[in-house]
Amino acid sequence: MKRKLLFVTSRDSDFDQDLSYALDLAKMTGRGMAILIVKKRNLTDKFEKMMTAVTFAEAGEHDTASEIMNQRDEKDEVARMLEERCLASGMATAVYSAMRDATVSLKDFLKNDTGVVMVLLSPSVAGNGAISPKELKRLVRMAALPVVTMVKQTQAV
């Protein structure tokens, strides 16, 4: 089993710079790479989904309401785009999607995949207060691996 880096990102990330850095790091260290896309589902998203389903149910469209509530995200365009970019750069990469926050998703992923040697958190997951210092400390302790956070530079030096 090839040891690999795990790049944790979200769908609203700037994939140009973040992904190229992760790919370069994986190539320099001679490792493979896996990508975990976490979906930041907040309370507003859940509420909107439920209210949409309720509206259809009240209108007598019970099948549509049920379909909305049972929707699962399949491998979407973002995952396919990431796989294509990685293949174009010469690295075969497995892309995984998660419906939970970064900490829970990472814990579940690491429990099932023991080939990870380093976790790389993109700025969309770790930067600009997206993850609290307390949560980051808990994540580092739980992972028992090196956890690297990427931060975007806000001003030119």
C-alpha atoms as a PDB file:
ATOM      1  CA  MET A   1       0.000   0.000   0.000  1.00  0.00           C
ATOM      2  CA  LYS A   2       1.460   3.334  -1.024  1.00  0.00           C
ATOM      3  CA  ARG A   3       1.611   5.899   1.763  1.00  0.00           C
ATOM      4  CA  LYS A   4      -0.131   9.134   0.840  1.00  0.00           C
ATOM      5  CA  LEU A   5      -0.937  12.697   1.726  1.00  0.00           C
ATOM      6  CA  LEU A   6      -4.539  13.583   2.473  1.00  0.00           C
ATOM      7  CA  PHE A   7      -5.596  16.967   1.111  1.00  0.00           C
ATOM      8  CA  VAL A   8      -8.747  18.205   2.887  1.00  0.00           C
ATOM      9  CA  THR A   9     -10.652  20.921   1.057  1.00  0.00           C
ATOM     10  CA  SER A  10     -14.168  22.211   0.500  1.00  0.00           C
ATOM     11  CA  ARG A  11     -16.217  22.903  -2.599  1.00  0.00           C
ATOM     12  CA  ASP A  12     -15.702  26.664  -2.318  1.00  0.00           C
ATOM     13  CA  SER A  13     -11.912  26.458  -2.379  1.00  0.00           C
ATOM     14  CA  ASP A  14      -9.561  28.176  -4.831  1.00  0.00           C
ATOM     15  CA  PHE A  15      -8.417  24.983  -6.500  1.00  0.00           C
ATOM     16  CA  ASP A  16      -5.785  26.582  -8.739  1.00  0.00           C
ATOM     17  CA  GLN A  17      -3.283  27.451  -6.029  1.00  0.00           C
ATOM     18  CA  ASP A  18      -4.354  25.032  -3.300  1.00  0.00           C
ATOM     19  CA  LEU A  19      -4.374  21.928  -5.461  1.00  0.00           C
ATOM     20  CA  SER A  20      -1.111  22.789  -7.200  1.00  0.00           C
ATOM     21  CA  TYR A  21       0.622  23.194  -3.829  1.00  0.00           C
ATOM     22  CA  ALA A  22      -0.772  19.858  -2.592  1.00  0.00           C
ATOM     23  CA  LEU A  23       0.278  18.097  -5.804  1.00  0.00           C
ATOM     24  CA  ASP A  24       3.780  19.597  -5.644  1.00  0.00           C
ATOM     25  CA  LEU A  25       4.172  18.518  -2.024  1.00  0.00           C
ATOM     26  CA  ALA A  26       3.034  14.976  -2.842  1.00  0.00           C
ATOM     27  CA  LYS A  27       5.449  14.772  -5.779  1.00  0.00           C
ATOM     28  CA  MET A  28       8.393  16.188  -3.795  1.00  0.00           C
ATOM     29  CA  THR A  29       7.883  13.692  -1.003  1.00  0.00           C
ATOM     30  CA  GLY A  30       7.302  10.795  -3.407  1.00  0.00           C
ATOM     31  CA  ARG A  31       3.883  10.092  -1.946  1.00  0.00           C
ATOM     32  CA  GLY A  32       0.501   9.432  -3.444  1.00  0.00           C
ATOM     33  CA  MET A  33      -2.396  11.718  -2.700  1.00  0.00           C
ATOM     34  CA  ALA A  34      -6.032  11.446  -1.696  1.00  0.00           C
ATOM     35  CA  ILE A  35      -8.468  14.359  -1.613  1.00  0.00           C
ATOM     36  CA  LEU A  36     -11.288  14.660   0.908  1.00  0.00           C
ATOM     37  CA  ILE A  37     -13.928  17.238  -0.001  1.00  0.00           C
ATOM     38  CA  VAL A  38     -15.909  18.322   3.030  1.00  0.00           C
ATOM     39  CA  LYS A  39     -19.239  19.975   2.492  1.00  0.00           C
ATOM     40  CA  LYS A  40     -19.929  22.786   4.864  1.00  0.00           C
ATOM     41  CA  ARG A  41     -23.581  22.128   5.535  1.00  0.00           C
ATOM     42  CA  ASN A  42     -24.865  24.711   7.890  1.00  0.00           C
ATOM     43  CA  LEU A  43     -28.191  25.075   9.615  1.00  0.00           C
ATOM     44  CA  THR A  44     -29.517  27.416   6.927  1.00  0.00           C
ATOM     45  CA  ASP A  45     -28.969  24.812   4.187  1.00  0.00           C
ATOM     46  CA  LYS A  46     -30.803  22.172   6.189  1.00  0.00           C
ATOM     47  CA  PHE A  47     -33.651  24.558   6.970  1.00  0.00           C
ATOM     48  CA  GLU A  48     -34.029  25.573   3.306  1.00  0.00           C
ATOM     49  CA  LYS A  49     -34.108  21.931   2.248  1.00  0.00           C
ATOM     50  CA  MET A  50     -36.779  21.092   4.814  1.00  0.00           C
ATOM     51  CA  MET A  51     -38.913  24.124   3.955  1.00  0.00           C
ATOM     52  CA  THR A  52     -38.764  23.274   0.249  1.00  0.00           C
ATOM     53  CA  ALA A  53     -39.897  19.738   1.004  1.00  0.00           C
ATOM     54  CA  VAL A  54     -42.710  21.026   3.230  1.00  0.00           C
ATOM     55  CA  THR A  55     -43.901  23.357   0.461  1.00  0.00           C
ATOM     56  CA  PHE A  56     -44.113  20.483  -2.017  1.00  0.00           C
ATOM     57  CA  ALA A  57     -45.824  18.251   0.547  1.00  0.00           C
ATOM     58  CA  GLU A  58     -48.455  20.909   1.278  1.00  0.00           C
ATOM     59  CA  ALA A  59     -49.104  21.222  -2.462  1.00  0.00           C
ATOM     60  CA  GLY A  60     -49.786  17.496  -2.669  1.00  0.00           C
ATOM     61  CA  GLU A  61     -46.460  16.650  -4.327  1.00  0.00           C
ATOM     62  CA  HIS A  62     -45.480  13.998  -1.778  1.00  0.00           C
ATOM     63  CA  ASP A  63     -43.114  12.162  -4.130  1.00  0.00           C
ATOM     64  CA  THR A  64     -41.192  15.360  -4.866  1.00  0.00           C
ATOM     65  CA  ALA A  65     -41.026  16.251  -1.165  1.00  0.00           C
ATOM     66  CA  SER A  66     -39.715  12.780  -0.339  1.00  0.00           C
ATOM     67  CA  GLU A  67     -37.164  12.998  -3.137  1.00  0.00           C
ATOM     68  CA  ILE A  68     -35.873  16.357  -1.834  1.00  0.00           C
ATOM     69  CA  MET A  69     -35.463  15.022   1.700  1.00  0.00           C
ATOM     70  CA  ASN A  70     -33.707  11.862   0.502  1.00  0.00           C
ATOM     71  CA  GLN A  71     -31.287  13.573  -1.876  1.00  0.00           C
ATOM     72  CA  ARG A  72     -27.714  12.422  -1.591  1.00  0.00           C
ATOM     73  CA  ASP A  73     -24.835  14.168  -3.274  1.00  0.00           C
ATOM     74  CA  GLU A  74     -23.282  11.897  -5.862  1.00  0.00           C
ATOM     75  CA  LYS A  75     -19.770  12.369  -7.137  1.00  0.00           C
ATOM     76  CA  ASP A  76     -20.212  15.820  -8.543  1.00  0.00           C
ATOM     77  CA  GLU A  77     -18.497  18.102 -10.990  1.00  0.00           C
ATOM     78  CA  VAL A  78     -15.975  19.368  -8.429  1.00  0.00           C
ATOM     79  CA  ALA A  79     -14.737  15.844  -7.694  1.00  0.00           C
ATOM     80  CA  ARG A  80     -14.471  15.030 -11.401  1.00  0.00           C
ATOM     81  CA  MET A  81     -12.636  18.291 -12.071  1.00  0.00           C
ATOM     82  CA  LEU A  82     -10.145  17.539  -9.279  1.00  0.00           C
ATOM     83  CA  GLU A  83      -9.524  14.020 -10.591  1.00  0.00           C
ATOM     84  CA  GLU A  84      -8.927  15.384 -14.109  1.00  0.00           C
ATOM     85  CA  ARG A  85      -6.481  18.041 -12.888  1.00  0.00           C
ATOM     86  CA  CYS A  86      -4.546  15.499 -10.874  1.00  0.00           C
ATOM     87  CA  LEU A  87      -4.357  13.067 -13.793  1.00  0.00           C
ATOM     88  CA  ALA A  88      -3.231  15.901 -16.093  1.00  0.00           C
ATOM     89  CA  SER A  89      -0.380  16.644 -13.667  1.00  0.00           C
ATOM     90  CA  GLY A  90       0.653  12.993 -13.707  1.00  0.00           C
ATOM     91  CA  MET A  91      -0.732  11.869 -10.372  1.00  0.00           C
ATOM     92  CA  ALA A  92      -3.605   9.451  -9.997  1.00  0.00           C
ATOM     93  CA  THR A  93      -5.653  10.642  -7.056  1.00  0.00           C
ATOM     94  CA  ALA A  94      -8.683   9.256  -5.280  1.00  0.00           C
ATOM     95  CA  VAL A  95     -11.304  11.892  -4.473  1.00  0.00           C
ATOM     96  CA  TYR A  96     -13.735  11.351  -1.610  1.00  0.00           C
ATOM     97  CA  SER A  97     -16.717  13.480  -0.569  1.00  0.00           C
ATOM     98  CA  ALA A  98     -18.027  13.908   2.953  1.00  0.00           C
ATOM     99  CA  MET A  99     -21.238  15.455   4.214  1.00  0.00           C
ATOM    100  CA  ARG A 100     -19.924  16.379   7.669  1.00  0.00           C
ATOM    101  CA  ASP A 101     -17.558  19.019   8.969  1.00  0.00           C
ATOM    102  CA  ALA A 102     -13.813  18.642   8.560  1.00  0.00           C
ATOM    103  CA  THR A 103     -13.067  17.212  12.013  1.00  0.00           C
ATOM    104  CA  VAL A 104     -15.673  14.432  11.950  1.00  0.00           C
ATOM    105  CA  SER A 105     -15.030  13.612   8.284  1.00  0.00           C
ATOM    106  CA  LEU A 106     -11.286  13.418   8.846  1.00  0.00           C
ATOM    107  CA  LYS A 107     -11.712  11.161  11.883  1.00  0.00           C
ATOM    108  CA  ASP A 108     -13.939   8.793   9.882  1.00  0.00           C
ATOM    109  CA  PHE A 109     -11.562   8.808   6.919  1.00  0.00           C
ATOM    110  CA  LEU A 110      -8.454   8.078   9.000  1.00  0.00           C
ATOM    111  CA  LYS A 111     -10.258   5.270  10.815  1.00  0.00           C
ATOM    112  CA  ASN A 112     -10.859   3.531   7.465  1.00  0.00           C
ATOM    113  CA  ASP A 113      -7.629   4.417   5.629  1.00  0.00           C
ATOM    114  CA  THR A 114      -4.360   3.693   7.421  1.00  0.00           C
ATOM    115  CA  GLY A 115      -2.135   4.690   4.482  1.00  0.00           C
ATOM    116  CA  VAL A 116      -2.196   8.422   5.263  1.00  0.00           C
ATOM    117  CA  VAL A 117       1.079   9.911   6.527  1.00  0.00           C
ATOM    118  CA  MET A 118       0.204  13.617   6.494  1.00  0.00           C
ATOM    119  CA  VAL A 119      -2.956  15.733   6.481  1.00  0.00           C
ATOM    120  CA  LEU A 120      -2.940  18.975   4.498  1.00  0.00           C
ATOM    121  CA  LEU A 121      -5.798  21.389   5.282  1.00  0.00           C
ATOM    122  CA  SER A 122      -6.660  23.885   2.551  1.00  0.00           C
ATOM    123  CA  PRO A 123      -7.318  27.560   3.373  1.00  0.00           C
ATOM    124  CA  SER A 124     -11.038  27.006   2.801  1.00  0.00           C
ATOM    125  CA  VAL A 125     -10.999  24.503   5.683  1.00  0.00           C
ATOM    126  CA  ALA A 126      -8.398  26.031   8.024  1.00  0.00           C
ATOM    127  CA  GLY A 127      -8.021  29.682   7.060  1.00  0.00           C
ATOM    128  CA  ASN A 128      -9.809  32.886   8.018  1.00  0.00           C
ATOM    129  CA  GLY A 129     -11.304  31.480  11.198  1.00  0.00           C
ATOM    130  CA  ALA A 130     -12.985  28.581   9.387  1.00  0.00           C
ATOM    131  CA  ILE A 131     -11.721  26.284  12.132  1.00  0.00           C
ATOM    132  CA  SER A 132     -11.215  27.398  15.714  1.00  0.00           C
ATOM    133  CA  PRO A 133      -7.863  26.915  17.460  1.00  0.00           C
ATOM    134  CA  LYS A 134      -9.567  24.558  19.921  1.00  0.00           C
ATOM    135  CA  GLU A 135     -11.003  22.456  17.088  1.00  0.00           C
ATOM    136  CA  LEU A 136      -7.642  22.427  15.282  1.00  0.00           C
ATOM    137  CA  LYS A 137      -5.891  21.246  18.444  1.00  0.00           C
ATOM    138  CA  ARG A 138      -8.475  18.471  18.836  1.00  0.00           C
ATOM    139  CA  LEU A 139      -8.014  17.512  15.187  1.00  0.00           C
ATOM    140  CA  VAL A 140      -4.211  17.298  15.536  1.00  0.00           C
ATOM    141  CA  ARG A 141      -4.517  15.177  18.681  1.00  0.00           C
ATOM    142  CA  MET A 142      -7.082  12.874  17.078  1.00  0.00           C
ATOM    143  CA  ALA A 143      -5.166  12.423  13.810  1.00  0.00           C
ATOM    144  CA  ALA A 144      -1.856  11.454  15.473  1.00  0.00           C
ATOM    145  CA  LEU A 145      -0.208  12.529  12.190  1.00  0.00           C
ATOM    146  CA  PRO A 146       1.409  15.731  11.006  1.00  0.00           C
ATOM    147  CA  VAL A 147      -1.368  18.208  10.170  1.00  0.00           C
ATOM    148  CA  VAL A 148      -0.321  21.089   7.915  1.00  0.00           C
ATOM    149  CA  THR A 149      -2.565  24.106   7.500  1.00  0.00           C
ATOM    150  CA  MET A 150      -2.393  26.218   4.379  1.00  0.00           C
ATOM    151  CA  VAL A 151      -3.111  29.943   4.724  1.00  0.00           C
ATOM    152  CA  LYS A 152      -3.473  32.425   1.929  1.00  0.00           C
ATOM    153  CA  GLN A 153      -1.320  35.509   2.027  1.00  0.00           C
ATOM    154  CA  THR A 154      -3.616  38.534   2.146  1.00  0.00           C
ATOM    155  CA  GLN A 155      -1.132  41.211   1.076  1.00  0.00           C
ATOM    156  CA  ALA A 156       1.939  41.185  -1.082  1.00  0.00           C
ATOM    157  CA  VAL A 157       5.189  41.591   0.822  1.00  0.00           C
END
